[in-house]
Amino acid sequence: MPARKEDPGILFPWKKLADAGFGYWYDVNNLKEPPPDFNTIWALRLIGYDISDPSKAIQAFKLHYLLVANANTLTDYDKRFFIPWR
């Protein structure tokens, strides 16, 4: 998990918090293919993840936004969840 905090887990109501104005969430109806030069590690950094261990940052992102535990790689489909944020 990211060094900045301990993630509360898969059942935490992340979307509900984002809907209330706390944090980011994706628009499930507007997922788009990222550009060919899209750098997911820098994208993770921009939304607040500690990227000193990229695999842990990816794992934390997937746990938080995709509700998938123990996965430290991003598929092409996963990358769509970075764009756009609301």
C-alpha atoms as a PDB file:
ATOM      1  CA  MET A   1       0.000   0.000   0.000  1.00  0.00           C
ATOM      2  CA  PRO A   2       1.153   3.579  -0.434  1.00  0.00           C
ATOM      3  CA  ALA A   3       3.570   4.866   2.189  1.00  0.00           C
ATOM      4  CA  ARG A   4       1.404   7.910   2.907  1.00  0.00           C
ATOM      5  CA  LYS A   5      -1.415   6.049   4.643  1.00  0.00           C
ATOM      6  CA  GLU A   6      -3.034   2.708   5.324  1.00  0.00           C
ATOM      7  CA  ASP A   7      -5.903   2.091   2.887  1.00  0.00           C
ATOM      8  CA  PRO A   8      -9.191   1.256   4.668  1.00  0.00           C
ATOM      9  CA  GLY A   9     -10.020  -1.464   2.165  1.00  0.00           C
ATOM     10  CA  ILE A  10     -12.343  -2.641  -0.539  1.00  0.00           C
ATOM     11  CA  LEU A  11     -15.630  -2.034   1.336  1.00  0.00           C
ATOM     12  CA  PHE A  12     -14.944   1.616   2.153  1.00  0.00           C
ATOM     13  CA  PRO A  13     -17.480   3.942   0.401  1.00  0.00           C
ATOM     14  CA  TRP A  14     -14.977   5.793  -1.804  1.00  0.00           C
ATOM     15  CA  LYS A  15     -17.505   6.828  -4.468  1.00  0.00           C
ATOM     16  CA  LYS A  16     -19.904   8.170  -1.852  1.00  0.00           C
ATOM     17  CA  LEU A  17     -17.139  10.379  -0.451  1.00  0.00           C
ATOM     18  CA  ALA A  18     -16.193  11.606  -3.927  1.00  0.00           C
ATOM     19  CA  ASP A  19     -19.852  12.399  -4.656  1.00  0.00           C
ATOM     20  CA  ALA A  20     -19.828  14.528  -1.491  1.00  0.00           C
ATOM     21  CA  GLY A  21     -16.777  16.442  -2.777  1.00  0.00           C
ATOM     22  CA  PHE A  22     -13.997  14.537  -1.022  1.00  0.00           C
ATOM     23  CA  GLY A  23     -11.535  12.969  -3.452  1.00  0.00           C
ATOM     24  CA  TYR A  24     -11.735  11.886  -7.074  1.00  0.00           C
ATOM     25  CA  TRP A  25     -13.881   9.383  -8.897  1.00  0.00           C
ATOM     26  CA  TYR A  26     -14.281   8.397 -12.525  1.00  0.00           C
ATOM     27  CA  ASP A  27     -17.329   8.855 -14.724  1.00  0.00           C
ATOM     28  CA  VAL A  28     -18.287   5.273 -15.606  1.00  0.00           C
ATOM     29  CA  ASN A  29     -20.370   6.535 -18.545  1.00  0.00           C
ATOM     30  CA  ASN A  30     -17.460   8.428 -20.067  1.00  0.00           C
ATOM     31  CA  LEU A  31     -14.454   6.089 -19.954  1.00  0.00           C
ATOM     32  CA  LYS A  32     -12.054   6.846 -22.778  1.00  0.00           C
ATOM     33  CA  GLU A  33      -8.940   5.282 -24.213  1.00  0.00           C
ATOM     34  CA  PRO A  34      -5.875   7.155 -22.903  1.00  0.00           C
ATOM     35  CA  PRO A  35      -3.440   8.622 -25.432  1.00  0.00           C
ATOM     36  CA  PRO A  36      -0.635   6.310 -26.642  1.00  0.00           C
ATOM     37  CA  ASP A  37       1.988   8.174 -24.592  1.00  0.00           C
ATOM     38  CA  PHE A  38      -0.088   8.125 -21.375  1.00  0.00           C
ATOM     39  CA  ASN A  39       2.153   7.509 -18.375  1.00  0.00           C
ATOM     40  CA  THR A  40       0.179   5.726 -15.682  1.00  0.00           C
ATOM     41  CA  ILE A  41       2.904   6.118 -13.060  1.00  0.00           C
ATOM     42  CA  TRP A  42       2.912   9.902 -13.445  1.00  0.00           C
ATOM     43  CA  ALA A  43      -0.894   9.866 -13.444  1.00  0.00           C
ATOM     44  CA  LEU A  44      -0.800   8.035 -10.117  1.00  0.00           C
ATOM     45  CA  ARG A  45       1.581  10.671  -8.786  1.00  0.00           C
ATOM     46  CA  LEU A  46      -0.708  13.481  -9.944  1.00  0.00           C
ATOM     47  CA  ILE A  47      -3.651  12.068  -8.024  1.00  0.00           C
ATOM     48  CA  GLY A  48      -1.615  11.683  -4.844  1.00  0.00           C
ATOM     49  CA  TYR A  49      -0.025   8.248  -4.839  1.00  0.00           C
ATOM     50  CA  ASP A  50       3.513   7.645  -3.611  1.00  0.00           C
ATOM     51  CA  ILE A  51       5.202   6.191  -6.700  1.00  0.00           C
ATOM     52  CA  SER A  52       8.479   5.217  -5.048  1.00  0.00           C
ATOM     53  CA  ASP A  53       7.229   1.619  -5.379  1.00  0.00           C
ATOM     54  CA  PRO A  54       5.138   1.659  -8.582  1.00  0.00           C
ATOM     55  CA  SER A  55       3.700  -1.831  -8.098  1.00  0.00           C
ATOM     56  CA  LYS A  56       2.355  -0.871  -4.657  1.00  0.00           C
ATOM     57  CA  ALA A  57       0.905   2.359  -6.053  1.00  0.00           C
ATOM     58  CA  ILE A  58      -0.859   0.404  -8.810  1.00  0.00           C
ATOM     59  CA  GLN A  59      -2.139  -2.122  -6.284  1.00  0.00           C
ATOM     60  CA  ALA A  60      -3.531   0.664  -4.082  1.00  0.00           C
ATOM     61  CA  PHE A  61      -5.168   2.371  -7.092  1.00  0.00           C
ATOM     62  CA  LYS A  62      -6.846  -0.863  -8.189  1.00  0.00           C
ATOM     63  CA  LEU A  63      -8.045  -1.589  -4.661  1.00  0.00           C
ATOM     64  CA  HIS A  64      -9.482   1.917  -4.292  1.00  0.00           C
ATOM     65  CA  TYR A  65     -11.061   2.491  -7.716  1.00  0.00           C
ATOM     66  CA  LEU A  66     -11.484  -0.935  -9.318  1.00  0.00           C
ATOM     67  CA  LEU A  67     -12.153  -2.905  -6.118  1.00  0.00           C
ATOM     68  CA  VAL A  68      -9.551  -5.510  -7.064  1.00  0.00           C
ATOM     69  CA  ALA A  69      -7.174  -6.733  -4.387  1.00  0.00           C
ATOM     70  CA  ASN A  70      -3.632  -8.038  -4.904  1.00  0.00           C
ATOM     71  CA  ALA A  71      -3.205  -6.887  -8.493  1.00  0.00           C
ATOM     72  CA  ASN A  72      -0.141  -4.758  -9.247  1.00  0.00           C
ATOM     73  CA  THR A  73      -0.353  -4.429 -13.021  1.00  0.00           C
ATOM     74  CA  LEU A  74      -2.650  -2.268 -15.134  1.00  0.00           C
ATOM     75  CA  THR A  75      -4.446  -3.619 -18.172  1.00  0.00           C
ATOM     76  CA  ASP A  76      -5.436  -1.395 -21.095  1.00  0.00           C
ATOM     77  CA  TYR A  77      -8.984  -1.463 -19.729  1.00  0.00           C
ATOM     78  CA  ASP A  78      -7.794  -0.378 -16.240  1.00  0.00           C
ATOM     79  CA  LYS A  79      -6.045   2.646 -17.744  1.00  0.00           C
ATOM     80  CA  ARG A  80      -9.410   3.999 -18.899  1.00  0.00           C
ATOM     81  CA  PHE A  81     -10.298   4.664 -15.254  1.00  0.00           C
ATOM     82  CA  PHE A  82      -7.764   7.493 -15.120  1.00  0.00           C
ATOM     83  CA  ILE A  83      -9.616   9.568 -17.750  1.00  0.00           C
ATOM     84  CA  PRO A  84     -11.741  11.593 -17.092  1.00  0.00           C
ATOM     85  CA  TRP A  85     -11.964  12.439 -13.431  1.00  0.00           C
ATOM     86  CA  ARG A  86     -14.788  14.406 -11.945  1.00  0.00           C
END
